[in-house]
Amino acid sequence: MRWENLTVESGESGESGGHGRAADAALFGADAVVTRTFDTPEFRGITFHEVRARSILNRVPGASRMPFEWTVNPYRGCTHACVYCFARKTHSYLDLDTGLGFDTQIVVKVNAPEVLRRQLASRRWQGDHVAMGTNVDCYQRAEGRYRLMPGIITALTEHANPFSILTKGTLILRDLELLTRAAQVTDVGISVSVGFTDTELWRTVEPGTPAPERRLDVVRTLGEHGIGCGVLMAPVIPFLSDHPAQLRDTVRAIAAAGATSVTPLVLHLRPGAREWFMAWLGRHHPHLVRRYERLYAEGAYAPKWYQRRITRQVHELAQEYGIGPTRAGTARRIRPTEASAAAEPPATSEPTQLTLI
C-alpha cells in the first residue's frame, strides 16, 4: 500500500492544493498509519487505516465541474458500497482495489478536526465555503465509531465559516444541535441524496446505505427542527429508475418529506466506477449491458439530450408537488433561534450550493 508517495496533488479525488502546501508534500506519513479491524456485526469484514493527515482543506481544480472551491474529506473509501460511486478511482492512488477494496478498506483521518482548526486559523485562509460529502460520505458507518464530524462542525462554527453537507446517512441527526448552533453564526446548507424510492433496486445498488425512506425521514426531521433540507435526486439510473412513474413516485415522496428543493442528477460512470458498475449490471441486469454501452459510448456522462429530458421531467413534477429545483449559488440557511436572532452574524462570502454526489 502506498502512503508516503501520496501527494496533495494526486490524492484527493482530483482535488489539489491542500491550502498552500507544496504539491509534492505527502498527505500523511507511513509511520503514522495504524490498521485496525473490529469484530462487531456492523464492521465485520472492514479494515480501517487510521492516518494523521497533514492537510484537510482540499482545493478543487478550476477545471472541475464542482460548484465550490474547497472540500473536507475525513474518510477515503466508503461502507455505503454504492456500485456507481465516482470516488472509487481514488483508492487506486493507494494501490487499493477500487471495487470491494473501496467498500471495505477505509482510510480514517483521525486528526481531521484539529488539523482543520489549525488551517482555519491561518492568516492565509479567507473564510471560503467548505463542502463536505462530495467525495465519500462523511456520515458513513465509520463516523459512528470515530466521531470526526462533531469536531469538524465545531471548528467551522468557531470561525463562522460557511459550509454544506451532502449525505446518504441518517447519522447526521446525531449532530442536529451542533448544526443549529453553527447556523446562528454562518450559512449552513444541508442536502440528502435520494435518487429513487425503489426498495428492490436500493438493496442491490446501494447495499450499505440506509433505506430511501429512512433518508427521507432525515429530511422530515430536519424540517421539523427548522432546518431547510434539499434533496439531490442522484443518481437517476437509466432504464432502472427513470420511468416516468418511478420519477413521479420519487418526487412525490421527496415533497411529502418537506424538502425545500429537488435537484436531479443522471448517473455518470467515471473510470473505476464504470468497471465496477458494469460488472454489477452484467450480474443483475444482463439485458441492459448493450444499452449502457451505447448510452455511455462517448464517455462518463449520459448524452445531453437524455440529461435534459430527465431534468425537465423532474422539474415539472417538482412544480406539480410544490417544490422547485435548487437555485445555483444558494445555501439553505438554518433559521437562528430567537435567543440569538438579535446577534448579527459576521459577514461571509456567498456559499455555493452542493450539486454532486
Foldseek 3Di string as FASTA:
>chain_A
DDFQQAFQCQADQNWHDLLPDDRRGTQFDPVFWDKDADPDVLQPQAIEIETATPGFWTAHDPPDPWQFGTEGEQKFAALLQQLQQPLLVNVVSVVAASHVRSNGYMYGNLCRLVNLLVSLPDPSDDLAEYEYCFRHAPQGPVCVPSVPVLSNLVSCLVSLRHYEHEHLALCVVVCLVSQLSSLLFHFYFYEYEAQFQPQVVCCQRRVRGDHNLSSLLSCLVCVVVQFAYAYENPACEPPPQQDLVRLLVGLLSNLVSPHQAYHYHYRFHAPSSNVSVLVSCCVPPVVCNVVVCVQQVPHGDGDPVVVVVSRVSNQVSCVVSPHHHDDWQDGRRRDHDPVSVVPDHDDHDRHTDGHHD
